[in-house]
PDB file of N, CA and C in Angstrom:
ATOM      1  N   TYR A   1      26.754  15.576 -17.968  1.00  0.00           N
ATOM      2  CA  TYR A   1      25.544  16.326 -17.595  1.00  0.00           C
ATOM      3  C   TYR A   1      24.305  15.441 -17.739  1.00  0.00           C
ATOM      4  N   MET A   2      24.278  14.662 -18.817  1.00  0.00           N
ATOM      5  CA  MET A   2      23.146  13.766 -19.048  1.00  0.00           C
ATOM      6  C   MET A   2      23.050  12.725 -17.929  1.00  0.00           C
ATOM      7  N   GLU A   3      24.219  12.219 -17.498  1.00  0.00           N
ATOM      8  CA  GLU A   3      24.242  11.228 -16.423  1.00  0.00           C
ATOM      9  C   GLU A   3      23.698  11.822 -15.121  1.00  0.00           C
ATOM     10  N   GLN A   4      24.025  13.086 -14.880  1.00  0.00           N
ATOM     11  CA  GLN A   4      23.538  13.749 -13.664  1.00  0.00           C
ATOM     12  C   GLN A   4      22.012  13.878 -13.704  1.00  0.00           C
ATOM     13  N   GLN A   5      21.478  14.242 -14.874  1.00  0.00           N
ATOM     14  CA  GLN A   5      20.021  14.342 -15.021  1.00  0.00           C
ATOM     15  C   GLN A   5      19.366  12.975 -14.810  1.00  0.00           C
ATOM     16  N   GLN A   6      20.002  11.949 -15.361  1.00  0.00           N
ATOM     17  CA  GLN A   6      19.475  10.587 -15.221  1.00  0.00           C
ATOM     18  C   GLN A   6      19.467  10.179 -13.745  1.00  0.00           C
ATOM     19  N   LEU A   7      20.560  10.484 -13.040  1.00  0.00           N
ATOM     20  CA  LEU A   7      20.635  10.180 -11.607  1.00  0.00           C
ATOM     21  C   LEU A   7      19.540  10.909 -10.825  1.00  0.00           C
ATOM     22  N   GLN A   8      19.365  12.185 -11.122  1.00  0.00           N
ATOM     23  CA  GLN A   8      18.334  12.968 -10.433  1.00  0.00           C
ATOM     24  C   GLN A   8      16.954  12.388 -10.692  1.00  0.00           C
ATOM     25  N   SER A   9      16.717  11.973 -11.908  1.00  0.00           N
ATOM     26  CA  SER A   9      15.434  11.382 -12.283  1.00  0.00           C
ATOM     27  C   SER A   9      15.191  10.084 -11.508  1.00  0.00           C
ATOM     28  N   ILE A  10      16.222   9.248 -11.411  1.00  0.00           N
ATOM     29  CA  ILE A  10      16.112   7.985 -10.672  1.00  0.00           C
ATOM     30  C   ILE A  10      15.833   8.266  -9.193  1.00  0.00           C
ATOM     31  N   VAL A  11      16.570   9.203  -8.627  1.00  0.00           N
ATOM     32  CA  VAL A  11      16.398   9.541  -7.210  1.00  0.00           C
ATOM     33  C   VAL A  11      14.986  10.076  -6.949  1.00  0.00           C
ATOM     34  N   GLN A  12      14.501  10.934  -7.835  1.00  0.00           N
ATOM     35  CA  GLN A  12      13.144  11.476  -7.668  1.00  0.00           C
ATOM     36  C   GLN A  12      12.097  10.366  -7.707  1.00  0.00           C
ATOM     37  N   GLU A  13      12.230   9.459  -8.683  1.00  0.00           N
ATOM     38  CA  GLU A  13      11.257   8.375  -8.785  1.00  0.00           C
ATOM     39  C   GLU A  13      11.341   7.465  -7.561  1.00  0.00           C
ATOM     40  N   LEU A  14      12.554   7.213  -7.078  1.00  0.00           N
ATOM     41  CA  LEU A  14      12.727   6.392  -5.867  1.00  0.00           C
ATOM     42  C   LEU A  14      12.014   7.039  -4.673  1.00  0.00           C
ATOM     43  N   GLN A  15      12.161   8.359  -4.539  1.00  0.00           N
ATOM     44  CA  GLN A  15      11.513   9.064  -3.427  1.00  0.00           C
ATOM     45  C   GLN A  15       9.995   8.941  -3.519  1.00  0.00           C
ATOM     46  N   ILE A  16       9.464   9.085  -4.721  1.00  0.00           N
ATOM     47  CA  ILE A  16       8.014   8.982  -4.927  1.00  0.00           C
ATOM     48  C   ILE A  16       7.545   7.566  -4.586  1.00  0.00           C
ATOM     49  N   ILE A  17       8.270   6.574  -5.088  1.00  0.00           N
ATOM     50  CA  ILE A  17       7.883   5.178  -4.852  1.00  0.00           C
ATOM     51  C   ILE A  17       7.969   4.830  -3.371  1.00  0.00           C
ATOM     52  N   ARG A  18       9.003   5.280  -2.708  1.00  0.00           N
ATOM     53  CA  ARG A  18       9.130   4.991  -1.268  1.00  0.00           C
ATOM     54  C   ARG A  18       7.994   5.637  -0.478  1.00  0.00           C
ATOM     55  N   SER A  19       7.591   6.816  -0.878  1.00  0.00           N
ATOM     56  CA  SER A  19       6.467   7.489  -0.239  1.00  0.00           C
ATOM     57  C   SER A  19       5.169   6.699  -0.464  1.00  0.00           C
ATOM     58  N   GLN A  20       4.981   6.210  -1.692  1.00  0.00           N
ATOM     59  CA  GLN A  20       3.795   5.411  -1.995  1.00  0.00           C
ATOM     60  C   GLN A  20       3.807   4.097  -1.212  1.00  0.00           C
ATOM     61  N   ILE A  21       4.978   3.473  -1.105  1.00  0.00           N
ATOM     62  CA  ILE A  21       5.100   2.225  -0.353  1.00  0.00           C
ATOM     63  C   ILE A  21       4.722   2.463   1.109  1.00  0.00           C
ATOM     64  N   GLN A  22       5.207   3.566   1.665  1.00  0.00           N
ATOM     65  CA  GLN A  22       4.892   3.906   3.056  1.00  0.00           C
ATOM     66  C   GLN A  22       3.387   4.084   3.252  1.00  0.00           C
ATOM     67  N   SER A  23       2.769   4.825   2.357  1.00  0.00           N
ATOM     68  CA  SER A  23       1.338   5.093   2.438  1.00  0.00           C
ATOM     69  C   SER A  23       0.518   3.808   2.296  1.00  0.00           C
ATOM     70  N   LEU A  24       0.867   2.993   1.292  1.00  0.00           N
ATOM     71  CA  LEU A  24       0.124   1.753   1.066  1.00  0.00           C
ATOM     72  C   LEU A  24       0.338   0.751   2.206  1.00  0.00           C
ATOM     73  N   THR A  25       1.530   0.736   2.778  1.00  0.00           N
ATOM     74  CA  THR A  25       1.802  -0.154   3.905  1.00  0.00           C
ATOM     75  C   THR A  25       0.918   0.229   5.088  1.00  0.00           C
ATOM     76  N   ALA A  26       0.763   1.517   5.325  1.00  0.00           N
ATOM     77  CA  ALA A  26      -0.106   1.986   6.410  1.00  0.00           C
ATOM     78  C   ALA A  26      -1.553   1.559   6.140  1.00  0.00           C
ATOM     79  N   GLN A  27      -2.009   1.708   4.896  1.00  0.00           N
ATOM     80  CA  GLN A  27      -3.370   1.286   4.537  1.00  0.00           C
ATOM     81  C   GLN A  27      -3.535  -0.219   4.705  1.00  0.00           C
ATOM     82  N   TYR A  28      -2.531  -0.971   4.264  1.00  0.00           N
ATOM     83  CA  TYR A  28      -2.553  -2.423   4.369  1.00  0.00           C
ATOM     84  C   TYR A  28      -2.666  -2.856   5.834  1.00  0.00           C
ATOM     85  N   ASN A  29      -1.854  -2.245   6.687  1.00  0.00           N
ATOM     86  CA  ASN A  29      -1.884  -2.575   8.119  1.00  0.00           C
ATOM     87  C   ASN A  29      -3.240  -2.242   8.732  1.00  0.00           C
ATOM     88  N   GLU A  30      -3.822  -1.115   8.321  1.00  0.00           N
ATOM     89  CA  GLU A  30      -5.132  -0.706   8.834  1.00  0.00           C
ATOM     90  C   GLU A  30      -6.210  -1.707   8.417  1.00  0.00           C
ATOM     91  N   VAL A  31      -6.190  -2.120   7.155  1.00  0.00           N
ATOM     92  CA  VAL A  31      -7.176  -3.094   6.669  1.00  0.00           C
ATOM     93  C   VAL A  31      -6.995  -4.431   7.388  1.00  0.00           C
ATOM     94  N   SER A  32      -5.741  -4.834   7.578  1.00  0.00           N
ATOM     95  CA  SER A  32      -5.464  -6.097   8.284  1.00  0.00           C
ATOM     96  C   SER A  32      -6.010  -6.060   9.703  1.00  0.00           C
ATOM     97  N   LEU A  33      -5.787  -4.946  10.403  1.00  0.00           N
ATOM     98  CA  LEU A  33      -6.309  -4.803  11.767  1.00  0.00           C
ATOM     99  C   LEU A  33      -7.832  -4.804  11.779  1.00  0.00           C
ATOM    100  N   THR A  34      -8.433  -4.182  10.784  1.00  0.00           N
ATOM    101  CA  THR A  34      -9.890  -4.130  10.686  1.00  0.00           C
ATOM    102  C   THR A  34     -10.460  -5.530  10.473  1.00  0.00           C
ATOM    103  N   ILE A  35      -9.827  -6.308   9.594  1.00  0.00           N
ATOM    104  CA  ILE A  35     -10.263  -7.687   9.343  1.00  0.00           C
ATOM    105  C   ILE A  35     -10.161  -8.500  10.635  1.00  0.00           C
ATOM    106  N   GLU A  36      -9.051  -8.347  11.326  1.00  0.00           N
ATOM    107  CA  GLU A  36      -8.844  -9.068  12.588  1.00  0.00           C
ATOM    108  C   GLU A  36      -9.915  -8.681  13.616  1.00  0.00           C
ATOM    109  N   ALA A  37     -10.181  -7.384  13.728  1.00  0.00           N
ATOM    110  CA  ALA A  37     -11.197  -6.912  14.682  1.00  0.00           C
ATOM    111  C   ALA A  37     -12.579  -7.444  14.307  1.00  0.00           C
ATOM    112  N   LEU A  38     -12.881  -7.450  13.014  1.00  0.00           N
ATOM    113  CA  LEU A  38     -14.174  -7.955  12.544  1.00  0.00           C
ATOM    114  C   LEU A  38     -14.318  -9.439  12.889  1.00  0.00           C
ATOM    115  N   ASN A  39     -13.251 -10.204  12.677  1.00  0.00           N
ATOM    116  CA  ASN A  39     -13.288 -11.643  12.968  1.00  0.00           C
ATOM    117  C   ASN A  39     -13.406 -11.931  14.464  1.00  0.00           C
ATOM    118  N   ASN A  40     -12.889 -11.025  15.285  1.00  0.00           N
ATOM    119  CA  ASN A  40     -12.918 -11.223  16.739  1.00  0.00           C
ATOM    120  C   ASN A  40     -14.166 -10.638  17.402  1.00  0.00           C
ATOM    121  N   GLN A  41     -14.924  -9.867  16.644  1.00  0.00           N
ATOM    122  CA  GLN A  41     -16.124  -9.227  17.186  1.00  0.00           C
ATOM    123  C   GLN A  41     -17.225 -10.277  17.377  1.00  0.00           C
ATOM    124  N   SER A  42     -17.826 -10.283  18.530  1.00  0.00           N
ATOM    125  CA  SER A  42     -18.907 -11.222  18.834  1.00  0.00           C
ATOM    126  C   SER A  42     -20.053 -11.029  17.833  1.00  0.00           C
ATOM    127  N   PRO A  43     -20.604 -12.135  17.300  1.00  0.00           N
ATOM    128  CA  PRO A  43     -21.683 -12.032  16.301  1.00  0.00           C
ATOM    129  C   PRO A  43     -22.933 -11.311  16.799  1.00  0.00           C
ATOM    130  N   ASP A  44     -23.140 -11.279  18.110  1.00  0.00           N
ATOM    131  CA  ASP A  44     -24.349 -10.610  18.626  1.00  0.00           C
ATOM    132  C   ASP A  44     -24.137  -9.109  18.871  1.00  0.00           C
ATOM    133  N   ARG A  45     -22.939  -8.621  18.580  1.00  0.00           N
ATOM    134  CA  ARG A  45     -22.674  -7.181  18.741  1.00  0.00           C
ATOM    135  C   ARG A  45     -22.699  -6.513  17.378  1.00  0.00           C
ATOM    136  N   ALA A  46     -23.166  -5.282  17.350  1.00  0.00           N
ATOM    137  CA  ALA A  46     -23.270  -4.541  16.090  1.00  0.00           C
ATOM    138  C   ALA A  46     -21.890  -4.157  15.557  1.00  0.00           C
ATOM    139  N   VAL A  47     -21.791  -4.110  14.240  1.00  0.00           N
ATOM    140  CA  VAL A  47     -20.580  -3.657  13.557  1.00  0.00           C
ATOM    141  C   VAL A  47     -20.972  -2.463  12.703  1.00  0.00           C
ATOM    142  N   TYR A  48     -20.125  -1.435  12.699  1.00  0.00           N
ATOM    143  CA  TYR A  48     -20.413  -0.222  11.946  1.00  0.00           C
ATOM    144  C   TYR A  48     -19.322   0.036  10.931  1.00  0.00           C
ATOM    145  N   ARG A  49     -19.722   0.691   9.853  1.00  0.00           N
ATOM    146  CA  ARG A  49     -18.779   1.066   8.797  1.00  0.00           C
ATOM    147  C   ARG A  49     -18.890   2.574   8.587  1.00  0.00           C
ATOM    148  N   ALA A  50     -17.734   3.228   8.529  1.00  0.00           N
ATOM    149  CA  ALA A  50     -17.735   4.680   8.293  1.00  0.00           C
ATOM    150  C   ALA A  50     -17.976   4.939   6.814  1.00  0.00           C
ATOM    151  N   LEU A  51     -18.895   5.839   6.540  1.00  0.00           N
ATOM    152  CA  LEU A  51     -19.164   6.259   5.171  1.00  0.00           C
ATOM    153  C   LEU A  51     -19.235   7.779   5.190  1.00  0.00           C
ATOM    154  N   GLY A  52     -18.160   8.406   4.695  1.00  0.00           N
ATOM    155  CA  GLY A  52     -18.069   9.854   4.840  1.00  0.00           C
ATOM    156  C   GLY A  52     -17.969  10.166   6.321  1.00  0.00           C
ATOM    157  N   GLY A  53     -18.823  11.039   6.802  1.00  0.00           N
ATOM    158  CA  GLY A  53     -18.810  11.418   8.210  1.00  0.00           C
ATOM    159  C   GLY A  53     -19.856  10.673   9.020  1.00  0.00           C
ATOM    160  N   VAL A  54     -20.420   9.584   8.453  1.00  0.00           N
ATOM    161  CA  VAL A  54     -21.522   8.875   9.100  1.00  0.00           C
ATOM    162  C   VAL A  54     -21.119   7.428   9.376  1.00  0.00           C
ATOM    163  N   LEU A  55     -21.540   6.905  10.527  1.00  0.00           N
ATOM    164  CA  LEU A  55     -21.350   5.489  10.821  1.00  0.00           C
ATOM    165  C   LEU A  55     -22.650   4.753  10.514  1.00  0.00           C
ATOM    166  N   LEU A  56     -22.548   3.740   9.680  1.00  0.00           N
ATOM    167  CA  LEU A  56     -23.720   2.948   9.318  1.00  0.00           C
ATOM    168  C   LEU A  56     -23.559   1.539   9.861  1.00  0.00           C
ATOM    169  N   GLU A  57     -24.640   0.997  10.416  1.00  0.00           N
ATOM    170  CA  GLU A  57     -24.574  -0.370  10.914  1.00  0.00           C
ATOM    171  C   GLU A  57     -24.481  -1.329   9.728  1.00  0.00           C
ATOM    172  N   VAL A  58     -23.620  -2.326   9.866  1.00  0.00           N
ATOM    173  CA  VAL A  58     -23.419  -3.315   8.804  1.00  0.00           C
ATOM    174  C   VAL A  58     -24.378  -4.472   9.033  1.00  0.00           C
ATOM    175  N   GLU A  59     -25.194  -4.750   8.018  1.00  0.00           N
ATOM    176  CA  GLU A  59     -26.131  -5.869   8.109  1.00  0.00           C
ATOM    177  C   GLU A  59     -25.449  -7.169   7.701  1.00  0.00           C
ATOM    178  N   ASP A  60     -24.601  -7.096   6.667  1.00  0.00           N
ATOM    179  CA  ASP A  60     -23.994  -8.287   6.083  1.00  0.00           C
ATOM    180  C   ASP A  60     -22.496  -8.304   6.370  1.00  0.00           C
ATOM    181  N   ARG A  61     -22.124  -8.936   7.466  1.00  0.00           N
ATOM    182  CA  ARG A  61     -20.711  -8.981   7.865  1.00  0.00           C
ATOM    183  C   ARG A  61     -19.858  -9.726   6.849  1.00  0.00           C
ATOM    184  N   GLU A  62     -20.421 -10.767   6.260  1.00  0.00           N
ATOM    185  CA  GLU A  62     -19.658 -11.570   5.300  1.00  0.00           C
ATOM    186  C   GLU A  62     -19.260 -10.726   4.093  1.00  0.00           C
ATOM    187  N   SER A  63     -20.195  -9.914   3.631  1.00  0.00           N
ATOM    188  CA  SER A  63     -19.919  -9.023   2.502  1.00  0.00           C
ATOM    189  C   SER A  63     -18.841  -8.001   2.868  1.00  0.00           C
ATOM    190  N   LEU A  64     -18.929  -7.457   4.076  1.00  0.00           N
ATOM    191  CA  LEU A  64     -17.914  -6.513   4.550  1.00  0.00           C
ATOM    192  C   LEU A  64     -16.556  -7.205   4.611  1.00  0.00           C
ATOM    193  N   GLY A  65     -16.530  -8.426   5.148  1.00  0.00           N
ATOM    194  CA  GLY A  65     -15.288  -9.195   5.207  1.00  0.00           C
ATOM    195  C   GLY A  65     -14.715  -9.442   3.829  1.00  0.00           C
ATOM    196  N   ASP A  66     -15.588  -9.780   2.875  1.00  0.00           N
ATOM    197  CA  ASP A  66     -15.140 -10.002   1.489  1.00  0.00           C
ATOM    198  C   ASP A  66     -14.562  -8.727   0.885  1.00  0.00           C
ATOM    199  N   ASP A  67     -15.249  -7.604   1.124  1.00  0.00           N
ATOM    200  CA  ASP A  67     -14.767  -6.306   0.612  1.00  0.00           C
ATOM    201  C   ASP A  67     -13.390  -5.981   1.181  1.00  0.00           C
ATOM    202  N   LEU A  68     -13.233  -6.194   2.487  1.00  0.00           N
ATOM    203  CA  LEU A  68     -11.952  -5.904   3.137  1.00  0.00           C
ATOM    204  C   LEU A  68     -10.860  -6.833   2.611  1.00  0.00           C
ATOM    205  N   GLY A  69     -11.205  -8.108   2.425  1.00  0.00           N
ATOM    206  CA  GLY A  69     -10.243  -9.071   1.883  1.00  0.00           C
ATOM    207  C   GLY A  69      -9.795  -8.696   0.483  1.00  0.00           C
ATOM    208  N   SER A  70     -10.743  -8.242  -0.315  1.00  0.00           N
ATOM    209  CA  SER A  70     -10.438  -7.809  -1.681  1.00  0.00           C
ATOM    210  C   SER A  70      -9.541  -6.573  -1.674  1.00  0.00           C
ATOM    211  N   THR A  71      -9.844  -5.637  -0.789  1.00  0.00           N
ATOM    212  CA  THR A  71      -9.021  -4.429  -0.653  1.00  0.00           C
ATOM    213  C   THR A  71      -7.601  -4.810  -0.246  1.00  0.00           C
ATOM    214  N   LYS A  72      -7.487  -5.752   0.695  1.00  0.00           N
ATOM    215  CA  LYS A  72      -6.179  -6.192   1.174  1.00  0.00           C
ATOM    216  C   LYS A  72      -5.377  -6.825   0.029  1.00  0.00           C
ATOM    217  N   GLU A  73      -6.035  -7.654  -0.780  1.00  0.00           N
ATOM    218  CA  GLU A  73      -5.358  -8.291  -1.923  1.00  0.00           C
ATOM    219  C   GLU A  73      -4.879  -7.254  -2.931  1.00  0.00           C
ATOM    220  N   THR A  74      -5.719  -6.261  -3.203  1.00  0.00           N
ATOM    221  CA  THR A  74      -5.354  -5.196  -4.135  1.00  0.00           C
ATOM    222  C   THR A  74      -4.137  -4.434  -3.629  1.00  0.00           C
ATOM    223  N   LEU A  75      -4.131  -4.130  -2.331  1.00  0.00           N
ATOM    224  CA  LEU A  75      -2.993  -3.425  -1.737  1.00  0.00           C
ATOM    225  C   LEU A  75      -1.728  -4.277  -1.808  1.00  0.00           C
ATOM    226  N   GLU A  76      -1.866  -5.592  -1.557  1.00  0.00           N
ATOM    227  CA  GLU A  76      -0.712  -6.501  -1.639  1.00  0.00           C
ATOM    228  C   GLU A  76      -0.112  -6.478  -3.043  1.00  0.00           C
ATOM    229  N   THR A  77      -0.966  -6.556  -4.060  1.00  0.00           N
ATOM    230  CA  THR A  77      -0.506  -6.552  -5.449  1.00  0.00           C
ATOM    231  C   THR A  77       0.204  -5.248  -5.773  1.00  0.00           C
ATOM    232  N   HIS A  78      -0.411  -4.152  -5.373  1.00  0.00           N
ATOM    233  CA  HIS A  78       0.167  -2.836  -5.654  1.00  0.00           C
ATOM    234  C   HIS A  78       1.516  -2.671  -4.946  1.00  0.00           C
ATOM    235  N   LEU A  79       1.573  -3.112  -3.694  1.00  0.00           N
ATOM    236  CA  LEU A  79       2.826  -3.034  -2.937  1.00  0.00           C
ATOM    237  C   LEU A  79       3.915  -3.884  -3.587  1.00  0.00           C
ATOM    238  N   SER A  80       3.543  -5.054  -4.042  1.00  0.00           N
ATOM    239  CA  SER A  80       4.492  -5.939  -4.710  1.00  0.00           C
ATOM    240  C   SER A  80       5.063  -5.269  -5.961  1.00  0.00           C
ATOM    241  N   ASN A  81       4.185  -4.645  -6.747  1.00  0.00           N
ATOM    242  CA  ASN A  81       4.628  -3.940  -7.958  1.00  0.00           C
ATOM    243  C   ASN A  81       5.563  -2.782  -7.624  1.00  0.00           C
ATOM    244  N   LEU A  82       5.221  -2.035  -6.583  1.00  0.00           N
ATOM    245  CA  LEU A  82       6.060  -0.903  -6.176  1.00  0.00           C
ATOM    246  C   LEU A  82       7.420  -1.380  -5.677  1.00  0.00           C
ATOM    247  N   ASN A  83       7.423  -2.479  -4.927  1.00  0.00           N
ATOM    248  CA  ASN A  83       8.689  -3.021  -4.429  1.00  0.00           C
ATOM    249  C   ASN A  83       9.574  -3.498  -5.584  1.00  0.00           C
ATOM    250  N   GLU A  84       8.958  -4.101  -6.595  1.00  0.00           N
ATOM    251  CA  GLU A  84       9.717  -4.523  -7.781  1.00  0.00           C
ATOM    252  C   GLU A  84      10.326  -3.312  -8.480  1.00  0.00           C
ATOM    253  N   ARG A  85       9.516  -2.268  -8.636  1.00  0.00           N
ATOM    254  CA  ARG A  85       9.999  -1.056  -9.308  1.00  0.00           C
ATOM    255  C   ARG A  85      11.128  -0.415  -8.501  1.00  0.00           C
ATOM    256  N   GLU A  86      11.001  -0.443  -7.186  1.00  0.00           N
ATOM    257  CA  GLU A  86      12.047   0.109  -6.326  1.00  0.00           C
ATOM    258  C   GLU A  86      13.363  -0.643  -6.558  1.00  0.00           C
ATOM    259  N   GLU A  87      13.289  -1.974  -6.636  1.00  0.00           N
ATOM    260  CA  GLU A  87      14.481  -2.793  -6.885  1.00  0.00           C
ATOM    261  C   GLU A  87      15.116  -2.431  -8.238  1.00  0.00           C
ATOM    262  N   GLU A  88      14.268  -2.264  -9.260  1.00  0.00           N
ATOM    263  CA  GLU A  88      14.769  -1.884 -10.594  1.00  0.00           C
ATOM    264  C   GLU A  88      15.500  -0.551 -10.534  1.00  0.00           C
ATOM    265  N   LEU A  89      14.886   0.403  -9.843  1.00  0.00           N
ATOM    266  CA  LEU A  89      15.483   1.737  -9.743  1.00  0.00           C
ATOM    267  C   LEU A  89      16.801   1.709  -8.975  1.00  0.00           C
ATOM    268  N   LEU A  90      16.852   0.900  -7.915  1.00  0.00           N
ATOM    269  CA  LEU A  90      18.094   0.796  -7.152  1.00  0.00           C
ATOM    270  C   LEU A  90      19.206   0.206  -8.020  1.00  0.00           C
ATOM    271  N   ALA A  91      18.854  -0.758  -8.857  1.00  0.00           N
ATOM    272  CA  ALA A  91      19.839  -1.347  -9.772  1.00  0.00           C
ATOM    273  C   ALA A  91      20.295  -0.301 -10.794  1.00  0.00           C
ATOM    274  N   GLU A  92      19.342   0.465 -11.335  1.00  0.00           N
ATOM    275  CA  GLU A  92      19.679   1.529 -12.292  1.00  0.00           C
ATOM    276  C   GLU A  92      20.593   2.560 -11.638  1.00  0.00           C
ATOM    277  N   TYR A  93      20.268   2.913 -10.395  1.00  0.00           N
ATOM    278  CA  TYR A  93      21.058   3.895  -9.654  1.00  0.00           C
ATOM    279  C   TYR A  93      22.484   3.394  -9.472  1.00  0.00           C
ATOM    280  N   LYS A  94      22.603   2.120  -9.106  1.00  0.00           N
ATOM    281  CA  LYS A  94      23.924   1.533  -8.887  1.00  0.00           C
ATOM    282  C   LYS A  94      24.746   1.594 -10.172  1.00  0.00           C
ATOM    283  N   VAL A  95      24.144   1.208 -11.299  1.00  0.00           N
ATOM    284  CA  VAL A  95      24.829   1.240 -12.598  1.00  0.00           C
ATOM    285  C   VAL A  95      25.222   2.683 -12.949  1.00  0.00           C
ATOM    286  N   ALA A  96      24.284   3.597 -12.755  1.00  0.00           N
ATOM    287  CA  ALA A  96      24.539   5.007 -13.115  1.00  0.00           C
ATOM    288  C   ALA A  96      25.670   5.601 -12.270  1.00  0.00           C
ATOM    289  N   THR A  97      25.703   5.264 -10.980  1.00  0.00           N
ATOM    290  CA  THR A  97      26.762   5.816 -10.127  1.00  0.00           C
ATOM    291  C   THR A  97      28.112   5.154 -10.426  1.00  0.00           C
ATOM    292  N   GLU A  98      28.087   3.884 -10.794  1.00  0.00           N
ATOM    293  CA  GLU A  98      29.351   3.218 -11.162  1.00  0.00           C
ATOM    294  C   GLU A  98      29.905   3.793 -12.454  1.00  0.00           C
ATOM    295  N   ASN A  99      29.013   4.135 -13.379  1.00  0.00           N
ATOM    296  CA  ASN A  99      29.434   4.719 -14.660  1.00  0.00           C
ATOM    297  C   ASN A  99      29.941   6.144 -14.495  1.00  0.00           C
ATOM    298  N   ALA A 100      29.472   6.820 -13.440  1.00  0.00           N
ATOM    299  CA  ALA A 100      29.883   8.203 -13.206  1.00  0.00           C
ATOM    300  C   ALA A 100      31.321   8.296 -12.698  1.00  0.00           C
ATOM    301  N   ASP A 101      31.797   7.183 -12.127  1.00  0.00           N
ATOM    302  CA  ASP A 101      33.176   7.190 -11.570  1.00  0.00           C
ATOM    303  C   ASP A 101      34.238   7.352 -12.609  1.00  0.00           C
TER     304      ASP A 101
END
């Protein structure tokens, strides 16, 4: 019975982590596309940033680029940690299911 609870716990955590990985991957891809678009935008054209429900013109593109780069790095780190945890859980699951046999 304890092994079954342990298995359920591992499966639940795996589901949560996979959901977080999916969400963060989508955010990462969005930030990457935004950085690419910013880099490809002609310097003489205005760039806007959404803030709540308002679009504000960006005066300092370099600062915006730095902010986006920092966000991308943070997402990369978080994704890496989640992927490591997923691997640990998969190993735990494998051991738990082998022991259940």
